[in-house]
Amino acid sequence: RGEEQDLYELLGNLIDNAGKWARTRVVVDVRREGDLLCFTVDDDGPGIPEALRDRMFERGVQLDEQRPGSGLGLDIVRALAQTYGGSVQAQASPLGGARLRLCLPAAD
């Protein structure tokens, strides 16, 4: 359920962000967890300090001003996820970098 373009926007922003920070590796996983469809994007970059993980989803916030970007992509992800009744979180990745986890209600 939902607009195909919104899914492209959600995943495109998450994967693009991981690609900017990854040293050599980005891993994308999707699985159904009960009533949710969860997408996990891991990278092997420097990671995100826990204290900044919520702030990075705010409009216009860039954690590193030296990297290209407008600080809008992750805010768009958060807003679209909420529109569909889902959520997005930043966590530590087992690859050593960041894990961004997007969960959306699964279609029946």
N, C-alpha and C. Protein backbone atom coordinates (compact mmCIF):
# COMPACT_ATOMS: atom_id res chain seq x y z
N ARG A 1 0.83 -1.18 0.00
CA ARG A 1 0.00 0.00 0.00
C ARG A 1 0.87 1.24 0.00
N GLY A 2 0.54 2.16 -0.83
CA GLY A 2 1.31 3.39 -0.89
C GLY A 2 1.79 3.68 -2.29
N GLU A 3 2.43 4.81 -2.43
CA GLU A 3 2.93 5.26 -3.72
C GLU A 3 4.31 4.67 -3.99
N GLU A 4 4.48 4.14 -5.19
CA GLU A 4 5.77 3.55 -5.58
C GLU A 4 6.89 4.58 -5.46
N GLN A 5 6.62 5.81 -5.87
CA GLN A 5 7.64 6.86 -5.82
C GLN A 5 8.07 7.15 -4.38
N ASP A 6 7.16 7.03 -3.43
CA ASP A 6 7.51 7.25 -2.03
C ASP A 6 8.50 6.19 -1.54
N LEU A 7 8.28 4.95 -1.96
CA LEU A 7 9.21 3.89 -1.57
C LEU A 7 10.59 4.15 -2.17
N TYR A 8 10.64 4.58 -3.42
CA TYR A 8 11.93 4.94 -4.04
C TYR A 8 12.60 6.08 -3.27
N GLU A 9 11.82 7.06 -2.86
CA GLU A 9 12.35 8.19 -2.10
C GLU A 9 12.91 7.72 -0.75
N LEU A 10 12.15 6.90 -0.06
CA LEU A 10 12.58 6.38 1.24
C LEU A 10 13.88 5.61 1.13
N LEU A 11 13.87 4.58 0.28
CA LEU A 11 15.06 3.73 0.17
C LEU A 11 16.22 4.44 -0.50
N GLY A 12 15.92 5.27 -1.49
CA GLY A 12 16.98 6.01 -2.17
C GLY A 12 17.75 6.90 -1.21
N ASN A 13 17.04 7.61 -0.34
CA ASN A 13 17.71 8.46 0.64
C ASN A 13 18.54 7.65 1.63
N LEU A 14 18.01 6.54 2.10
CA LEU A 14 18.76 5.72 3.05
C LEU A 14 20.02 5.12 2.42
N ILE A 15 19.88 4.62 1.21
CA ILE A 15 21.03 3.99 0.54
C ILE A 15 22.05 5.05 0.12
N ASP A 16 21.58 6.19 -0.36
CA ASP A 16 22.48 7.28 -0.72
C ASP A 16 23.28 7.74 0.50
N ASN A 17 22.61 7.88 1.61
CA ASN A 17 23.28 8.29 2.84
C ASN A 17 24.35 7.28 3.24
N ALA A 18 24.01 6.00 3.18
CA ALA A 18 24.98 4.95 3.53
C ALA A 18 26.17 5.00 2.58
N GLY A 19 25.90 5.21 1.29
CA GLY A 19 26.98 5.28 0.30
C GLY A 19 27.94 6.43 0.54
N LYS A 20 27.43 7.55 1.06
CA LYS A 20 28.29 8.70 1.36
C LYS A 20 29.27 8.40 2.50
N TRP A 21 28.83 7.58 3.44
CA TRP A 21 29.62 7.35 4.65
C TRP A 21 30.42 6.04 4.63
N ALA A 22 30.01 5.09 3.80
CA ALA A 22 30.66 3.77 3.78
C ALA A 22 32.11 3.87 3.34
N ARG A 23 32.92 3.05 3.94
CA ARG A 23 34.31 2.92 3.46
C ARG A 23 34.33 2.06 2.21
N THR A 24 33.76 0.84 2.32
CA THR A 24 33.76 -0.08 1.18
C THR A 24 32.48 -0.88 1.05
N ARG A 25 31.59 -0.81 2.03
CA ARG A 25 30.48 -1.76 2.04
C ARG A 25 29.17 -1.15 2.52
N VAL A 26 28.10 -1.45 1.78
CA VAL A 26 26.73 -1.14 2.18
C VAL A 26 25.92 -2.43 1.99
N VAL A 27 25.14 -2.79 3.01
CA VAL A 27 24.32 -3.99 2.94
C VAL A 27 22.87 -3.60 3.21
N VAL A 28 21.97 -4.03 2.31
CA VAL A 28 20.55 -3.74 2.44
C VAL A 28 19.82 -5.05 2.68
N ASP A 29 18.93 -5.04 3.65
CA ASP A 29 18.16 -6.24 3.99
C ASP A 29 16.70 -5.83 4.15
N VAL A 30 15.80 -6.71 3.77
CA VAL A 30 14.38 -6.47 3.98
C VAL A 30 13.76 -7.77 4.48
N ARG A 31 12.90 -7.62 5.49
CA ARG A 31 12.20 -8.80 6.01
C ARG A 31 10.89 -8.37 6.65
N ARG A 32 9.99 -9.31 6.66
CA ARG A 32 8.71 -9.07 7.32
C ARG A 32 8.85 -9.47 8.78
N GLU A 33 8.38 -8.56 9.66
CA GLU A 33 8.40 -8.81 11.10
C GLU A 33 6.99 -8.57 11.62
N GLY A 34 6.21 -9.62 11.67
CA GLY A 34 4.81 -9.49 12.08
C GLY A 34 4.04 -8.66 11.08
N ASP A 35 3.48 -7.55 11.53
CA ASP A 35 2.69 -6.67 10.67
C ASP A 35 3.54 -5.60 9.99
N LEU A 36 4.86 -5.69 10.13
CA LEU A 36 5.75 -4.67 9.58
C LEU A 36 6.65 -5.25 8.50
N LEU A 37 7.00 -4.40 7.54
CA LEU A 37 8.04 -4.70 6.56
C LEU A 37 9.21 -3.80 6.92
N CYS A 38 10.34 -4.41 7.30
CA CYS A 38 11.48 -3.64 7.81
C CYS A 38 12.66 -3.71 6.85
N PHE A 39 13.16 -2.55 6.49
CA PHE A 39 14.32 -2.39 5.63
C PHE A 39 15.48 -1.95 6.51
N THR A 40 16.61 -2.61 6.38
CA THR A 40 17.79 -2.26 7.16
C THR A 40 18.92 -1.94 6.19
N VAL A 41 19.54 -0.79 6.36
CA VAL A 41 20.66 -0.38 5.53
C VAL A 41 21.86 -0.18 6.46
N ASP A 42 22.88 -1.02 6.28
CA ASP A 42 24.10 -0.97 7.09
C ASP A 42 25.26 -0.47 6.25
N ASP A 43 26.18 0.27 6.90
CA ASP A 43 27.41 0.66 6.23
C ASP A 43 28.59 0.43 7.17
N ASP A 44 29.77 0.42 6.59
CA ASP A 44 30.99 0.20 7.38
C ASP A 44 31.77 1.50 7.59
N GLY A 45 31.06 2.61 7.61
CA GLY A 45 31.68 3.91 7.82
C GLY A 45 31.98 4.18 9.28
N PRO A 46 32.11 5.45 9.64
CA PRO A 46 32.51 5.82 11.00
C PRO A 46 31.40 5.68 12.04
N GLY A 47 30.17 5.50 11.62
CA GLY A 47 29.06 5.38 12.56
C GLY A 47 28.56 6.74 13.01
N ILE A 48 27.53 6.70 13.87
CA ILE A 48 26.89 7.92 14.35
C ILE A 48 26.87 7.87 15.87
N PRO A 49 27.43 8.87 16.52
CA PRO A 49 27.37 8.87 17.99
C PRO A 49 25.91 8.78 18.47
N GLU A 50 25.68 8.00 19.49
CA GLU A 50 24.32 7.78 19.98
C GLU A 50 23.59 9.09 20.29
N ALA A 51 24.30 10.06 20.81
CA ALA A 51 23.69 11.34 21.18
C ALA A 51 23.16 12.11 19.97
N LEU A 52 23.63 11.80 18.77
CA LEU A 52 23.20 12.52 17.56
C LEU A 52 22.20 11.75 16.72
N ARG A 53 21.87 10.54 17.11
CA ARG A 53 21.04 9.68 16.25
C ARG A 53 19.63 10.21 16.03
N ASP A 54 19.02 10.84 17.01
CA ASP A 54 17.69 11.40 16.79
C ASP A 54 17.78 12.72 16.03
N ARG A 55 18.78 13.50 16.33
CA ARG A 55 18.94 14.83 15.72
C ARG A 55 19.18 14.76 14.21
N MET A 56 19.79 13.68 13.74
CA MET A 56 20.12 13.58 12.32
C MET A 56 18.89 13.54 11.41
N PHE A 57 17.72 13.28 11.97
CA PHE A 57 16.49 13.24 11.18
C PHE A 57 15.78 14.60 11.14
N GLU A 58 16.35 15.62 11.77
CA GLU A 58 15.76 16.94 11.77
C GLU A 58 16.07 17.67 10.45
N ARG A 59 15.12 18.46 9.99
CA ARG A 59 15.27 19.20 8.74
C ARG A 59 16.48 20.11 8.77
N GLY A 60 17.32 20.01 7.74
CA GLY A 60 18.48 20.87 7.60
C GLY A 60 19.71 20.47 8.39
N VAL A 61 19.62 19.41 9.16
CA VAL A 61 20.76 18.98 9.99
C VAL A 61 21.68 18.09 9.17
N GLN A 62 22.95 18.48 9.12
CA GLN A 62 24.01 17.65 8.53
C GLN A 62 25.03 17.43 9.63
N LEU A 63 25.36 16.17 9.88
CA LEU A 63 26.31 15.88 10.95
C LEU A 63 27.73 16.22 10.55
N ASP A 64 27.99 16.28 9.26
CA ASP A 64 29.33 16.65 8.78
C ASP A 64 29.14 17.61 7.62
N GLU A 65 29.42 18.86 7.83
CA GLU A 65 29.23 19.89 6.81
C GLU A 65 30.21 19.74 5.64
N GLN A 66 31.23 18.91 5.78
CA GLN A 66 32.21 18.71 4.71
C GLN A 66 31.68 17.77 3.62
N ARG A 67 30.65 17.02 3.93
CA ARG A 67 30.07 16.08 2.96
C ARG A 67 28.98 16.79 2.16
N PRO A 68 28.77 16.38 0.91
CA PRO A 68 27.70 17.00 0.12
C PRO A 68 26.33 16.64 0.67
N GLY A 69 25.39 17.52 0.47
CA GLY A 69 24.02 17.26 0.89
C GLY A 69 23.36 18.52 1.44
N SER A 70 22.04 18.43 1.60
CA SER A 70 21.27 19.58 2.06
C SER A 70 20.73 19.41 3.47
N GLY A 71 20.85 18.21 4.02
CA GLY A 71 20.27 17.95 5.33
C GLY A 71 18.77 17.74 5.26
N LEU A 72 18.25 17.42 4.08
CA LEU A 72 16.81 17.21 3.92
C LEU A 72 16.43 15.75 3.75
N GLY A 73 17.33 14.93 3.26
CA GLY A 73 17.01 13.54 2.91
C GLY A 73 16.45 12.72 4.05
N LEU A 74 17.11 12.75 5.21
CA LEU A 74 16.65 11.93 6.32
C LEU A 74 15.39 12.50 6.96
N ASP A 75 15.20 13.82 6.88
CA ASP A 75 13.94 14.41 7.34
C ASP A 75 12.80 13.94 6.46
N ILE A 76 13.03 13.87 5.16
CA ILE A 76 12.02 13.37 4.22
C ILE A 76 11.68 11.92 4.55
N VAL A 77 12.71 11.11 4.83
CA VAL A 77 12.49 9.70 5.20
C VAL A 77 11.60 9.62 6.44
N ARG A 78 11.94 10.39 7.47
CA ARG A 78 11.17 10.37 8.72
C ARG A 78 9.72 10.78 8.45
N ALA A 79 9.53 11.87 7.70
CA ALA A 79 8.18 12.37 7.43
C ALA A 79 7.36 11.36 6.62
N LEU A 80 7.94 10.79 5.58
CA LEU A 80 7.21 9.80 4.78
C LEU A 80 6.90 8.55 5.59
N ALA A 81 7.86 8.09 6.38
CA ALA A 81 7.62 6.90 7.21
C ALA A 81 6.44 7.15 8.15
N GLN A 82 6.41 8.31 8.77
CA GLN A 82 5.30 8.64 9.68
C GLN A 82 3.98 8.76 8.94
N THR A 83 4.01 9.29 7.72
CA THR A 83 2.80 9.40 6.90
C THR A 83 2.17 8.03 6.68
N TYR A 84 3.01 7.01 6.51
CA TYR A 84 2.51 5.66 6.27
C TYR A 84 2.35 4.85 7.56
N GLY A 85 2.51 5.49 8.71
CA GLY A 85 2.34 4.78 9.97
C GLY A 85 3.56 3.97 10.37
N GLY A 86 4.72 4.34 9.83
CA GLY A 86 5.96 3.63 10.12
C GLY A 86 6.93 4.47 10.92
N SER A 87 8.17 4.01 10.96
CA SER A 87 9.20 4.71 11.71
C SER A 87 10.57 4.44 11.09
N VAL A 88 11.52 5.30 11.45
CA VAL A 88 12.91 5.11 11.04
C VAL A 88 13.79 5.38 12.26
N GLN A 89 14.83 4.58 12.40
CA GLN A 89 15.75 4.71 13.52
C GLN A 89 17.17 4.58 13.03
N ALA A 90 18.08 5.23 13.73
CA ALA A 90 19.52 5.05 13.51
C ALA A 90 20.06 4.24 14.66
N GLN A 91 20.91 3.28 14.33
CA GLN A 91 21.50 2.39 15.32
C GLN A 91 22.95 2.16 14.94
N ALA A 92 23.66 1.45 15.79
CA ALA A 92 25.02 1.00 15.45
C ALA A 92 24.90 -0.23 14.55
N SER A 93 25.76 -0.30 13.56
CA SER A 93 25.75 -1.42 12.62
C SER A 93 26.77 -2.48 13.03
N PRO A 94 26.46 -3.74 12.81
CA PRO A 94 27.46 -4.78 13.04
C PRO A 94 28.65 -4.67 12.08
N LEU A 95 28.51 -3.87 11.02
CA LEU A 95 29.64 -3.64 10.10
C LEU A 95 30.61 -2.60 10.66
N GLY A 96 30.22 -1.94 11.75
CA GLY A 96 31.08 -0.94 12.36
C GLY A 96 30.63 0.49 12.13
N GLY A 97 29.71 0.70 11.21
CA GLY A 97 29.23 2.04 10.91
C GLY A 97 27.84 2.27 11.44
N ALA A 98 26.98 2.77 10.57
CA ALA A 98 25.60 3.08 10.95
C ALA A 98 24.64 2.05 10.38
N ARG A 99 23.55 1.88 11.09
CA ARG A 99 22.42 1.09 10.61
C ARG A 99 21.21 2.01 10.64
N LEU A 100 20.56 2.15 9.49
CA LEU A 100 19.29 2.88 9.44
C LEU A 100 18.22 1.85 9.16
N ARG A 101 17.23 1.87 10.03
CA ARG A 101 16.17 0.85 9.99
C ARG A 101 14.83 1.53 9.77
N LEU A 102 14.20 1.19 8.66
CA LEU A 102 12.90 1.73 8.27
C LEU A 102 11.87 0.62 8.37
N CYS A 103 10.82 0.84 9.15
CA CYS A 103 9.74 -0.14 9.26
C CYS A 103 8.43 0.50 8.86
N LEU A 104 7.71 -0.18 7.99
CA LEU A 104 6.43 0.29 7.46
C LEU A 104 5.39 -0.81 7.64
N PRO A 105 4.13 -0.44 7.82
CA PRO A 105 3.09 -1.48 7.87
C PRO A 105 3.09 -2.30 6.59
N ALA A 106 3.05 -3.60 6.75
CA ALA A 106 3.06 -4.51 5.60
C ALA A 106 1.66 -4.60 5.00
N ALA A 107 1.60 -4.74 3.69
CA ALA A 107 0.32 -4.96 3.01
C ALA A 107 -0.11 -6.40 3.25
N ASP A 108 -1.39 -6.60 3.34
CA ASP A 108 -1.91 -7.96 3.56
C ASP A 108 -1.92 -8.76 2.29
